[in-house]
Amino acid sequence: MPMRTKSGKFQIAAEIAWHHPAPGITRQIMGYDGQLMMVKVVFEKGAIGTPHTHYHSQATYVAEGKFKLTIGEEEKVLAAGDGYYVEPDVVHGCECLEAGTLIDTFSPMRQDFLD
């Protein structure tokens, strides 16, 4: 299948497929091109975003809920309205303390999320 390099102009949540990358975690791809991607990620309480790395820059907004974030050696609890930034190739992960939603942005886009 050829690589998709951009989304449509509008993303209607009710029309976007949900993906299930891990237990208690679902995500929707909200918009992207080759340079940028926005992803809505919904967590159930207790769900774990397994520590991982990727070469993308990531900035995330906590839309709702409470999360214990680990970025490199630092750990912090974030709640709705907070955000965080992850440099490329830095180990990061989270634990969902109260059910919630993260809005992830990546640069460049995450082709692996579309495969």
PDB file of N, CA and C in Angstrom:
ATOM      1  N   MET A   1       0.850  -1.182   0.000  1.00  0.00           N
ATOM      2  CA  MET A   1       0.000   0.000   0.000  1.00  0.00           C
ATOM      3  C   MET A   1       0.893   1.243   0.000  1.00  0.00           C
ATOM      4  N   PRO A   2       0.591   2.232  -0.828  1.00  0.00           N
ATOM      5  CA  PRO A   2       1.412   3.441  -0.859  1.00  0.00           C
ATOM      6  C   PRO A   2       1.287   4.228   0.450  1.00  0.00           C
ATOM      7  N   MET A   3       2.357   4.928   0.789  1.00  0.00           N
ATOM      8  CA  MET A   3       2.367   5.731   2.014  1.00  0.00           C
ATOM      9  C   MET A   3       1.375   6.883   1.879  1.00  0.00           C
ATOM     10  N   ARG A   4       0.510   7.016   2.883  1.00  0.00           N
ATOM     11  CA  ARG A   4      -0.404   8.153   2.922  1.00  0.00           C
ATOM     12  C   ARG A   4       0.355   9.326   3.506  1.00  0.00           C
ATOM     13  N   THR A   5       0.284  10.482   2.856  1.00  0.00           N
ATOM     14  CA  THR A   5       1.083  11.614   3.321  1.00  0.00           C
ATOM     15  C   THR A   5       0.264  12.755   3.889  1.00  0.00           C
ATOM     16  N   LYS A   6      -1.069  12.638   3.870  1.00  0.00           N
ATOM     17  CA  LYS A   6      -1.868  13.680   4.514  1.00  0.00           C
ATOM     18  C   LYS A   6      -3.282  13.186   4.748  1.00  0.00           C
ATOM     19  N   SER A   7      -3.900  13.786   5.743  1.00  0.00           N
ATOM     20  CA  SER A   7      -5.300  13.483   6.039  1.00  0.00           C
ATOM     21  C   SER A   7      -6.190  14.410   5.228  1.00  0.00           C
ATOM     22  N   GLY A   8      -7.490  14.215   5.358  1.00  0.00           N
ATOM     23  CA  GLY A   8      -8.433  15.154   4.771  1.00  0.00           C
ATOM     24  C   GLY A   8      -8.402  16.463   5.555  1.00  0.00           C
ATOM     25  N   LYS A   9      -9.094  17.453   5.051  1.00  0.00           N
ATOM     26  CA  LYS A   9      -9.106  18.776   5.688  1.00  0.00           C
ATOM     27  C   LYS A   9      -9.814  18.779   7.041  1.00  0.00           C
ATOM     28  N   PHE A  10     -10.860  17.976   7.167  1.00  0.00           N
ATOM     29  CA  PHE A  10     -11.655  17.960   8.390  1.00  0.00           C
ATOM     30  C   PHE A  10     -11.662  16.553   8.968  1.00  0.00           C
ATOM     31  N   GLN A  11     -11.601  16.472  10.297  1.00  0.00           N
ATOM     32  CA  GLN A  11     -11.678  15.192  10.976  1.00  0.00           C
ATOM     33  C   GLN A  11     -12.930  15.200  11.848  1.00  0.00           C
ATOM     34  N   ILE A  12     -13.895  14.366  11.499  1.00  0.00           N
ATOM     35  CA  ILE A  12     -15.149  14.253  12.238  1.00  0.00           C
ATOM     36  C   ILE A  12     -15.020  13.017  13.126  1.00  0.00           C
ATOM     37  N   ALA A  13     -14.966  13.225  14.430  1.00  0.00           N
ATOM     38  CA  ALA A  13     -14.662  12.144  15.368  1.00  0.00           C
ATOM     39  C   ALA A  13     -15.535  10.912  15.147  1.00  0.00           C
ATOM     40  N   ALA A  14     -16.826  11.104  14.896  1.00  0.00           N
ATOM     41  CA  ALA A  14     -17.739   9.981  14.724  1.00  0.00           C
ATOM     42  C   ALA A  14     -17.416   9.145  13.482  1.00  0.00           C
ATOM     43  N   GLU A  15     -16.621   9.698  12.569  1.00  0.00           N
ATOM     44  CA  GLU A  15     -16.294   9.001  11.316  1.00  0.00           C
ATOM     45  C   GLU A  15     -14.882   8.405  11.312  1.00  0.00           C
ATOM     46  N   ILE A  16     -14.116   8.620  12.383  1.00  0.00           N
ATOM     47  CA  ILE A  16     -12.726   8.171  12.417  1.00  0.00           C
ATOM     48  C   ILE A  16     -12.618   6.860  13.172  1.00  0.00           C
ATOM     49  N   ALA A  17     -11.919   5.902  12.596  1.00  0.00           N
ATOM     50  CA  ALA A  17     -11.723   4.600  13.233  1.00  0.00           C
ATOM     51  C   ALA A  17     -10.911   4.744  14.517  1.00  0.00           C
ATOM     52  N   TRP A  18     -11.220   3.903  15.490  1.00  0.00           N
ATOM     53  CA  TRP A  18     -10.447   3.819  16.725  1.00  0.00           C
ATOM     54  C   TRP A  18      -9.463   2.664  16.589  1.00  0.00           C
ATOM     55  N   HIS A  19      -8.255   2.866  17.090  1.00  0.00           N
ATOM     56  CA  HIS A  19      -7.228   1.830  17.116  1.00  0.00           C
ATOM     57  C   HIS A  19      -6.981   1.483  18.578  1.00  0.00           C
ATOM     58  N   HIS A  20      -6.554   0.250  18.848  1.00  0.00           N
ATOM     59  CA  HIS A  20      -6.360  -0.235  20.213  1.00  0.00           C
ATOM     60  C   HIS A  20      -4.920  -0.718  20.376  1.00  0.00           C
ATOM     61  N   PRO A  21      -3.992   0.213  20.644  1.00  0.00           N
ATOM     62  CA  PRO A  21      -2.573  -0.147  20.695  1.00  0.00           C
ATOM     63  C   PRO A  21      -2.164  -0.950  21.930  1.00  0.00           C
ATOM     64  N   ALA A  22      -2.951  -0.865  23.017  1.00  0.00           N
ATOM     65  CA  ALA A  22      -2.610  -1.569  24.259  1.00  0.00           C
ATOM     66  C   ALA A  22      -3.878  -1.673  25.105  1.00  0.00           C
ATOM     67  N   PRO A  23      -3.892  -2.590  26.080  1.00  0.00           N
ATOM     68  CA  PRO A  23      -5.079  -2.714  26.931  1.00  0.00           C
ATOM     69  C   PRO A  23      -5.431  -1.384  27.608  1.00  0.00           C
ATOM     70  N   GLY A  24      -6.714  -1.005  27.502  1.00  0.00           N
ATOM     71  CA  GLY A  24      -7.191   0.213  28.148  1.00  0.00           C
ATOM     72  C   GLY A  24      -6.846   1.497  27.430  1.00  0.00           C
ATOM     73  N   ILE A  25      -6.284   1.385  26.218  1.00  0.00           N
ATOM     74  CA  ILE A  25      -5.879   2.569  25.451  1.00  0.00           C
ATOM     75  C   ILE A  25      -6.472   2.492  24.053  1.00  0.00           C
ATOM     76  N   THR A  26      -7.130   3.581  23.635  1.00  0.00           N
ATOM     77  CA  THR A  26      -7.625   3.686  22.264  1.00  0.00           C
ATOM     78  C   THR A  26      -7.177   5.023  21.693  1.00  0.00           C
ATOM     79  N   ARG A  27      -7.020   5.067  20.371  1.00  0.00           N
ATOM     80  CA  ARG A  27      -6.577   6.327  19.770  1.00  0.00           C
ATOM     81  C   ARG A  27      -7.248   6.546  18.420  1.00  0.00           C
ATOM     82  N   GLN A  28      -7.363   7.827  18.079  1.00  0.00           N
ATOM     83  CA  GLN A  28      -7.864   8.274  16.783  1.00  0.00           C
ATOM     84  C   GLN A  28      -6.828   9.214  16.179  1.00  0.00           C
ATOM     85  N   ILE A  29      -6.553   9.037  14.894  1.00  0.00           N
ATOM     86  CA  ILE A  29      -5.673   9.948  14.166  1.00  0.00           C
ATOM     87  C   ILE A  29      -6.528  11.141  13.752  1.00  0.00           C
ATOM     88  N   MET A  30      -6.202  12.322  14.263  1.00  0.00           N
ATOM     89  CA  MET A  30      -7.057  13.489  14.048  1.00  0.00           C
ATOM     90  C   MET A  30      -6.643  14.370  12.870  1.00  0.00           C
ATOM     91  N   GLY A  31      -5.430  14.244  12.393  1.00  0.00           N
ATOM     92  CA  GLY A  31      -5.001  15.034  11.245  1.00  0.00           C
ATOM     93  C   GLY A  31      -3.497  14.945  11.101  1.00  0.00           C
ATOM     94  N   TYR A  32      -3.024  14.954   9.847  1.00  0.00           N
ATOM     95  CA  TYR A  32      -1.585  14.842   9.639  1.00  0.00           C
ATOM     96  C   TYR A  32      -1.196  15.210   8.224  1.00  0.00           C
ATOM     97  N   ASP A  33       0.085  15.527   8.082  1.00  0.00           N
ATOM     98  CA  ASP A  33       0.783  15.552   6.803  1.00  0.00           C
ATOM     99  C   ASP A  33       2.176  15.017   7.094  1.00  0.00           C
ATOM    100  N   GLY A  34       3.090  15.142   6.177  1.00  0.00           N
ATOM    101  CA  GLY A  34       4.416  14.578   6.388  1.00  0.00           C
ATOM    102  C   GLY A  34       5.182  15.189   7.547  1.00  0.00           C
ATOM    103  N   GLN A  35       4.839  16.415   7.924  1.00  0.00           N
ATOM    104  CA  GLN A  35       5.583  17.137   8.953  1.00  0.00           C
ATOM    105  C   GLN A  35       4.943  17.119  10.329  1.00  0.00           C
ATOM    106  N   LEU A  36       3.653  16.794  10.426  1.00  0.00           N
ATOM    107  CA  LEU A  36       2.920  16.962  11.678  1.00  0.00           C
ATOM    108  C   LEU A  36       1.807  15.928  11.786  1.00  0.00           C
ATOM    109  N   MET A  37       1.536  15.466  13.001  1.00  0.00           N
ATOM    110  CA  MET A  37       0.402  14.568  13.236  1.00  0.00           C
ATOM    111  C   MET A  37      -0.197  14.888  14.605  1.00  0.00           C
ATOM    112  N   MET A  38      -1.536  14.887  14.677  1.00  0.00           N
ATOM    113  CA  MET A  38      -2.249  15.043  15.944  1.00  0.00           C
ATOM    114  C   MET A  38      -3.072  13.780  16.185  1.00  0.00           C
ATOM    115  N   VAL A  39      -2.981  13.263  17.417  1.00  0.00           N
ATOM    116  CA  VAL A  39      -3.629  11.998  17.763  1.00  0.00           C
ATOM    117  C   VAL A  39      -4.346  12.154  19.100  1.00  0.00           C
ATOM    118  N   LYS A  40      -5.613  11.733  19.152  1.00  0.00           N
ATOM    119  CA  LYS A  40      -6.374  11.702  20.403  1.00  0.00           C
ATOM    120  C   LYS A  40      -6.207  10.313  21.010  1.00  0.00           C
ATOM    121  N   VAL A  41      -5.767  10.258  22.279  1.00  0.00           N
ATOM    122  CA  VAL A  41      -5.521   8.981  22.941  1.00  0.00           C
ATOM    123  C   VAL A  41      -6.335   8.941  24.233  1.00  0.00           C
ATOM    124  N   VAL A  42      -7.236   7.968  24.325  1.00  0.00           N
ATOM    125  CA  VAL A  42      -8.118   7.826  25.479  1.00  0.00           C
ATOM    126  C   VAL A  42      -7.616   6.666  26.344  1.00  0.00           C
ATOM    127  N   PHE A  43      -7.460   6.940  27.638  1.00  0.00           N
ATOM    128  CA  PHE A  43      -6.954   5.950  28.594  1.00  0.00           C
ATOM    129  C   PHE A  43      -8.017   5.616  29.634  1.00  0.00           C
ATOM    130  N   GLU A  44      -8.141   4.331  29.951  1.00  0.00           N
ATOM    131  CA  GLU A  44      -8.912   3.907  31.111  1.00  0.00           C
ATOM    132  C   GLU A  44      -8.012   4.028  32.331  1.00  0.00           C
ATOM    133  N   LYS A  45      -8.608   4.217  33.499  1.00  0.00           N
ATOM    134  CA  LYS A  45      -7.827   4.283  34.738  1.00  0.00           C
ATOM    135  C   LYS A  45      -6.974   3.020  34.861  1.00  0.00           C
ATOM    136  N   GLY A  46      -5.704   3.202  35.173  1.00  0.00           N
ATOM    137  CA  GLY A  46      -4.777   2.092  35.347  1.00  0.00           C
ATOM    138  C   GLY A  46      -4.044   1.664  34.088  1.00  0.00           C
ATOM    139  N   ALA A  47      -4.463   2.170  32.933  1.00  0.00           N
ATOM    140  CA  ALA A  47      -3.786   1.803  31.681  1.00  0.00           C
ATOM    141  C   ALA A  47      -2.354   2.343  31.690  1.00  0.00           C
ATOM    142  N   ILE A  48      -1.471   1.593  31.058  1.00  0.00           N
ATOM    143  CA  ILE A  48      -0.051   1.938  31.031  1.00  0.00           C
ATOM    144  C   ILE A  48       0.381   2.253  29.602  1.00  0.00           C
ATOM    145  N   GLY A  49       0.943   3.426  29.420  1.00  0.00           N
ATOM    146  CA  GLY A  49       1.639   3.762  28.176  1.00  0.00           C
ATOM    147  C   GLY A  49       3.074   3.274  28.376  1.00  0.00           C
ATOM    148  N   THR A  50       3.382   2.094  27.856  1.00  0.00           N
ATOM    149  CA  THR A  50       4.670   1.434  28.073  1.00  0.00           C
ATOM    150  C   THR A  50       5.826   2.351  27.683  1.00  0.00           C
ATOM    151  N   PRO A  51       6.859   2.436  28.520  1.00  0.00           N
ATOM    152  CA  PRO A  51       8.015   3.264  28.170  1.00  0.00           C
ATOM    153  C   PRO A  51       8.577   2.889  26.790  1.00  0.00           C
ATOM    154  N   HIS A  52       8.862   3.909  26.001  1.00  0.00           N
ATOM    155  CA  HIS A  52       9.324   3.691  24.631  1.00  0.00           C
ATOM    156  C   HIS A  52      10.079   4.926  24.144  1.00  0.00           C
ATOM    157  N   THR A  53      10.690   4.810  22.989  1.00  0.00           N
ATOM    158  CA  THR A  53      11.341   5.945  22.335  1.00  0.00           C
ATOM    159  C   THR A  53      10.903   5.977  20.873  1.00  0.00           C
ATOM    160  N   HIS A  54      11.059   7.123  20.261  1.00  0.00           N
ATOM    161  CA  HIS A  54      10.877   7.283  18.815  1.00  0.00           C
ATOM    162  C   HIS A  54      11.651   8.522  18.398  1.00  0.00           C
ATOM    163  N   TYR A  55      11.930   8.623  17.114  1.00  0.00           N
ATOM    164  CA  TYR A  55      12.748   9.740  16.621  1.00  0.00           C
ATOM    165  C   TYR A  55      11.955  11.027  16.424  1.00  0.00           C
ATOM    166  N   HIS A  56      10.662  10.999  16.693  1.00  0.00           N
ATOM    167  CA  HIS A  56       9.802  12.173  16.518  1.00  0.00           C
ATOM    168  C   HIS A  56       9.868  13.094  17.730  1.00  0.00           C
ATOM    169  N   SER A  57       9.742  14.394  17.515  1.00  0.00           N
ATOM    170  CA  SER A  57       9.467  15.324  18.603  1.00  0.00           C
ATOM    171  C   SER A  57       8.001  15.147  18.972  1.00  0.00           C
ATOM    172  N   GLN A  58       7.680  15.247  20.259  1.00  0.00           N
ATOM    173  CA  GLN A  58       6.300  15.066  20.709  1.00  0.00           C
ATOM    174  C   GLN A  58       5.936  16.154  21.702  1.00  0.00           C
ATOM    175  N   ALA A  59       4.782  16.771  21.491  1.00  0.00           N
ATOM    176  CA  ALA A  59       4.199  17.687  22.468  1.00  0.00           C
ATOM    177  C   ALA A  59       2.781  17.192  22.723  1.00  0.00           C
ATOM    178  N   THR A  60       2.412  17.110  24.003  1.00  0.00           N
ATOM    179  CA  THR A  60       1.129  16.518  24.374  1.00  0.00           C
ATOM    180  C   THR A  60       0.378  17.438  25.321  1.00  0.00           C
ATOM    181  N   TYR A  61      -0.937  17.523  25.125  1.00  0.00           N
ATOM    182  CA  TYR A  61      -1.843  18.284  25.970  1.00  0.00           C
ATOM    183  C   TYR A  61      -2.734  17.296  26.719  1.00  0.00           C
ATOM    184  N   VAL A  62      -2.870  17.459  28.032  1.00  0.00           N
ATOM    185  CA  VAL A  62      -3.766  16.622  28.831  1.00  0.00           C
ATOM    186  C   VAL A  62      -5.154  17.259  28.766  1.00  0.00           C
ATOM    187  N   ALA A  63      -6.038  16.663  27.986  1.00  0.00           N
ATOM    188  CA  ALA A  63      -7.383  17.217  27.806  1.00  0.00           C
ATOM    189  C   ALA A  63      -8.279  16.908  28.996  1.00  0.00           C
ATOM    190  N   GLU A  64      -8.107  15.719  29.594  1.00  0.00           N
ATOM    191  CA  GLU A  64      -8.863  15.350  30.784  1.00  0.00           C
ATOM    192  C   GLU A  64      -8.157  14.202  31.482  1.00  0.00           C
ATOM    193  N   GLY A  65      -8.440  14.032  32.767  1.00  0.00           N
ATOM    194  CA  GLY A  65      -7.861  12.945  33.540  1.00  0.00           C
ATOM    195  C   GLY A  65      -6.605  13.353  34.277  1.00  0.00           C
ATOM    196  N   LYS A  66      -5.909  12.334  34.799  1.00  0.00           N
ATOM    197  CA  LYS A  66      -4.667  12.546  35.543  1.00  0.00           C
ATOM    198  C   LYS A  66      -3.707  11.427  35.168  1.00  0.00           C
ATOM    199  N   PHE A  67      -2.452  11.810  34.902  1.00  0.00           N
ATOM    200  CA  PHE A  67      -1.447  10.871  34.421  1.00  0.00           C
ATOM    201  C   PHE A  67      -0.139  11.050  35.164  1.00  0.00           C
ATOM    202  N   LYS A  68       0.526   9.936  35.481  1.00  0.00           N
ATOM    203  CA  LYS A  68       1.894   9.989  36.003  1.00  0.00           C
ATOM    204  C   LYS A  68       2.814   9.772  34.808  1.00  0.00           C
ATOM    205  N   LEU A  69       3.554  10.823  34.449  1.00  0.00           N
ATOM    206  CA  LEU A  69       4.437  10.814  33.281  1.00  0.00           C
ATOM    207  C   LEU A  69       5.868  10.596  33.707  1.00  0.00           C
ATOM    208  N   THR A  70       6.576   9.800  32.939  1.00  0.00           N
ATOM    209  CA  THR A  70       8.014   9.661  33.115  1.00  0.00           C
ATOM    210  C   THR A  70       8.659  10.022  31.794  1.00  0.00           C
ATOM    211  N   ILE A  71       9.567  10.989  31.834  1.00  0.00           N
ATOM    212  CA  ILE A  71      10.321  11.408  30.652  1.00  0.00           C
ATOM    213  C   ILE A  71      11.783  11.378  31.059  1.00  0.00           C
ATOM    214  N   GLY A  72      12.536  10.471  30.447  1.00  0.00           N
ATOM    215  CA  GLY A  72      13.914  10.280  30.867  1.00  0.00           C
ATOM    216  C   GLY A  72      13.923   9.837  32.317  1.00  0.00           C
ATOM    217  N   GLU A  73      14.634  10.567  33.159  1.00  0.00           N
ATOM    218  CA  GLU A  73      14.716  10.241  34.586  1.00  0.00           C
ATOM    219  C   GLU A  73      13.708  11.019  35.431  1.00  0.00           C
ATOM    220  N   GLU A  74      12.926  11.901  34.801  1.00  0.00           N
ATOM    221  CA  GLU A  74      11.992  12.746  35.551  1.00  0.00           C
ATOM    222  C   GLU A  74      10.588  12.162  35.551  1.00  0.00           C
ATOM    223  N   GLU A  75       9.892  12.328  36.687  1.00  0.00           N
ATOM    224  CA  GLU A  75       8.521  11.853  36.829  1.00  0.00           C
ATOM    225  C   GLU A  75       7.672  12.981  37.407  1.00  0.00           C
ATOM    226  N   LYS A  76       6.458  13.130  36.875  1.00  0.00           N
ATOM    227  CA  LYS A  76       5.570  14.194  37.348  1.00  0.00           C
ATOM    228  C   LYS A  76       4.130  13.760  37.088  1.00  0.00           C
ATOM    229  N   VAL A  77       3.229  14.163  37.986  1.00  0.00           N
ATOM    230  CA  VAL A  77       1.798  13.917  37.800  1.00  0.00           C
ATOM    231  C   VAL A  77       1.203  15.140  37.115  1.00  0.00           C
ATOM    232  N   LEU A  78       0.493  14.891  36.000  1.00  0.00           N
ATOM    233  CA  LEU A  78      -0.137  15.960  35.227  1.00  0.00           C
ATOM    234  C   LEU A  78      -1.644  15.754  35.195  1.00  0.00           C
ATOM    235  N   ALA A  79      -2.378  16.866  35.170  1.00  0.00           N
ATOM    236  CA  ALA A  79      -3.843  16.835  35.138  1.00  0.00           C
ATOM    237  C   ALA A  79      -4.344  17.667  33.964  1.00  0.00           C
ATOM    238  N   ALA A  80      -5.657  17.676  33.780  1.00  0.00           N
ATOM    239  CA  ALA A  80      -6.284  18.409  32.681  1.00  0.00           C
ATOM    240  C   ALA A  80      -5.751  19.842  32.624  1.00  0.00           C
ATOM    241  N   GLY A  81      -5.386  20.267  31.428  1.00  0.00           N
ATOM    242  CA  GLY A  81      -4.852  21.604  31.204  1.00  0.00           C
ATOM    243  C   GLY A  81      -3.336  21.645  31.163  1.00  0.00           C
ATOM    244  N   ASP A  82      -2.676  20.577  31.646  1.00  0.00           N
ATOM    245  CA  ASP A  82      -1.216  20.510  31.633  1.00  0.00           C
ATOM    246  C   ASP A  82      -0.736  19.951  30.297  1.00  0.00           C
ATOM    247  N   GLY A  83       0.563  19.988  30.095  1.00  0.00           N
ATOM    248  CA  GLY A  83       1.145  19.435  28.884  1.00  0.00           C
ATOM    249  C   GLY A  83       2.581  19.016  29.120  1.00  0.00           C
ATOM    250  N   TYR A  84       3.156  18.374  28.114  1.00  0.00           N
ATOM    251  CA  TYR A  84       4.559  17.980  28.209  1.00  0.00           C
ATOM    252  C   TYR A  84       5.173  17.880  26.817  1.00  0.00           C
ATOM    253  N   TYR A  85       6.502  17.923  26.803  1.00  0.00           N
ATOM    254  CA  TYR A  85       7.279  17.829  25.566  1.00  0.00           C
ATOM    255  C   TYR A  85       8.312  16.716  25.724  1.00  0.00           C
ATOM    256  N   VAL A  86       8.484  15.922  24.673  1.00  0.00           N
ATOM    257  CA  VAL A  86       9.475  14.853  24.658  1.00  0.00           C
ATOM    258  C   VAL A  86      10.398  15.064  23.471  1.00  0.00           C
ATOM    259  N   GLU A  87      11.691  15.188  23.755  1.00  0.00           N
ATOM    260  CA  GLU A  87      12.681  15.292  22.683  1.00  0.00           C
ATOM    261  C   GLU A  87      12.792  13.958  21.957  1.00  0.00           C
ATOM    262  N   PRO A  88      13.255  13.971  20.707  1.00  0.00           N
ATOM    263  CA  PRO A  88      13.462  12.717  19.992  1.00  0.00           C
ATOM    264  C   PRO A  88      14.387  11.776  20.767  1.00  0.00           C
ATOM    265  N   ASP A  89      14.073  10.491  20.701  1.00  0.00           N
ATOM    266  CA  ASP A  89      14.903   9.408  21.247  1.00  0.00           C
ATOM    267  C   ASP A  89      15.024   9.396  22.765  1.00  0.00           C
ATOM    268  N   VAL A  90      14.137  10.085  23.494  1.00  0.00           N
ATOM    269  CA  VAL A  90      14.136  10.049  24.958  1.00  0.00           C
ATOM    270  C   VAL A  90      13.056   9.060  25.417  1.00  0.00           C
ATOM    271  N   VAL A  91      13.416   8.175  26.336  1.00  0.00           N
ATOM    272  CA  VAL A  91      12.459   7.195  26.856  1.00  0.00           C
ATOM    273  C   VAL A  91      11.363   7.927  27.625  1.00  0.00           C
ATOM    274  N   HIS A  92      10.111   7.558  27.348  1.00  0.00           N
ATOM    275  CA  HIS A  92       8.977   8.163  28.045  1.00  0.00           C
ATOM    276  C   HIS A  92       7.818   7.170  28.107  1.00  0.00           C
ATOM    277  N   GLY A  93       6.962   7.351  29.095  1.00  0.00           N
ATOM    278  CA  GLY A  93       5.798   6.498  29.269  1.00  0.00           C
ATOM    279  C   GLY A  93       4.897   7.116  30.316  1.00  0.00           C
ATOM    280  N   CYS A  94       3.727   6.496  30.533  1.00  0.00           N
ATOM    281  CA  CYS A  94       2.795   7.052  31.510  1.00  0.00           C
ATOM    282  C   CYS A  94       1.950   5.965  32.136  1.00  0.00           C
ATOM    283  N   GLU A  95       1.362   6.336  33.268  1.00  0.00           N
ATOM    284  CA  GLU A  95       0.345   5.530  33.934  1.00  0.00           C
ATOM    285  C   GLU A  95      -0.866   6.426  34.119  1.00  0.00           C
ATOM    286  N   CYS A  96      -2.022   5.935  33.738  1.00  0.00           N
ATOM    287  CA  CYS A  96      -3.246   6.727  33.869  1.00  0.00           C
ATOM    288  C   CYS A  96      -3.792   6.567  35.289  1.00  0.00           C
ATOM    289  N   LEU A  97      -3.804   7.657  36.049  1.00  0.00           N
ATOM    290  CA  LEU A  97      -4.274   7.645  37.433  1.00  0.00           C
ATOM    291  C   LEU A  97      -5.777   7.887  37.539  1.00  0.00           C
ATOM    292  N   GLU A  98      -6.317   8.697  36.634  1.00  0.00           N
ATOM    293  CA  GLU A  98      -7.760   8.943  36.505  1.00  0.00           C
ATOM    294  C   GLU A  98      -8.067   8.940  35.022  1.00  0.00           C
ATOM    295  N   ALA A  99      -9.085   8.177  34.606  1.00  0.00           N
ATOM    296  CA  ALA A  99      -9.410   8.047  33.184  1.00  0.00           C
ATOM    297  C   ALA A  99      -9.327   9.398  32.493  1.00  0.00           C
ATOM    298  N   GLY A 100      -8.747   9.402  31.290  1.00  0.00           N
ATOM    299  CA  GLY A 100      -8.576  10.682  30.624  1.00  0.00           C
ATOM    300  C   GLY A 100      -8.171  10.580  29.179  1.00  0.00           C
ATOM    301  N   THR A 101      -7.881  11.736  28.606  1.00  0.00           N
ATOM    302  CA  THR A 101      -7.550  11.857  27.188  1.00  0.00           C
ATOM    303  C   THR A 101      -6.321  12.728  27.016  1.00  0.00           C
ATOM    304  N   LEU A 102      -5.390  12.250  26.204  1.00  0.00           N
ATOM    305  CA  LEU A 102      -4.218  13.026  25.808  1.00  0.00           C
ATOM    306  C   LEU A 102      -4.357  13.402  24.346  1.00  0.00           C
ATOM    307  N   ILE A 103      -3.915  14.594  24.002  1.00  0.00           N
ATOM    308  CA  ILE A 103      -3.834  15.022  22.609  1.00  0.00           C
ATOM    309  C   ILE A 103      -2.345  15.101  22.277  1.00  0.00           C
ATOM    310  N   ASP A 104      -1.881  14.086  21.555  1.00  0.00           N
ATOM    311  CA  ASP A 104      -0.473  13.997  21.163  1.00  0.00           C
ATOM    312  C   ASP A 104      -0.255  14.692  19.828  1.00  0.00           C
ATOM    313  N   THR A 105       0.850  15.402  19.709  1.00  0.00           N
ATOM    314  CA  THR A 105       1.287  15.906  18.410  1.00  0.00           C
ATOM    315  C   THR A 105       2.708  15.415  18.182  1.00  0.00           C
ATOM    316  N   PHE A 106       2.988  15.061  16.937  1.00  0.00           N
ATOM    317  CA  PHE A 106       4.286  14.529  16.564  1.00  0.00           C
ATOM    318  C   PHE A 106       4.819  15.249  15.335  1.00  0.00           C
ATOM    319  N   SER A 107       6.130  15.433  15.306  1.00  0.00           N
ATOM    320  CA  SER A 107       6.799  15.952  14.118  1.00  0.00           C
ATOM    321  C   SER A 107       8.087  15.159  13.922  1.00  0.00           C
ATOM    322  N   PRO A 108       8.313  14.582  12.757  1.00  0.00           N
ATOM    323  CA  PRO A 108       7.341  14.451  11.666  1.00  0.00           C
ATOM    324  C   PRO A 108       6.211  13.494  12.049  1.00  0.00           C
ATOM    325  N   MET A 109       5.286  13.287  11.149  1.00  0.00           N
ATOM    326  CA  MET A 109       4.144  12.410  11.407  1.00  0.00           C
ATOM    327  C   MET A 109       4.606  10.987  11.696  1.00  0.00           C
ATOM    328  N   ARG A 110       3.754  10.215  12.378  1.00  0.00           N
ATOM    329  CA  ARG A 110       4.049   8.829  12.750  1.00  0.00           C
ATOM    330  C   ARG A 110       3.492   7.888  11.681  1.00  0.00           C
ATOM    331  N   GLN A 111       4.306   7.574  10.691  1.00  0.00           N
ATOM    332  CA  GLN A 111       3.878   6.629   9.654  1.00  0.00           C
ATOM    333  C   GLN A 111       3.482   5.286  10.260  1.00  0.00           C
ATOM    334  N   ASP A 112       4.156   4.882  11.340  1.00  0.00           N
ATOM    335  CA  ASP A 112       3.850   3.593  11.966  1.00  0.00           C
ATOM    336  C   ASP A 112       2.411   3.552  12.495  1.00  0.00           C
ATOM    337  N   PHE A 113       1.808   4.687  12.804  1.00  0.00           N
ATOM    338  CA  PHE A 113       0.418   4.715  13.254  1.00  0.00           C
ATOM    339  C   PHE A 113      -0.553   4.462  12.099  1.00  0.00           C
ATOM    340  N   LEU A 114      -0.095   4.627  10.867  1.00  0.00           N
ATOM    341  CA  LEU A 114      -0.968   4.457   9.697  1.00  0.00           C
ATOM    342  C   LEU A 114      -0.826   3.078   9.055  1.00  0.00           C
ATOM    343  N   ASP A 115       0.243   2.373   9.385  1.00  0.00           N
ATOM    344  CA  ASP A 115       0.487   1.047   8.780  1.00  0.00           C
ATOM    345  C   ASP A 115      -0.450  -0.007   9.323  1.00  0.00           C
TER     346      ASP A 115
END
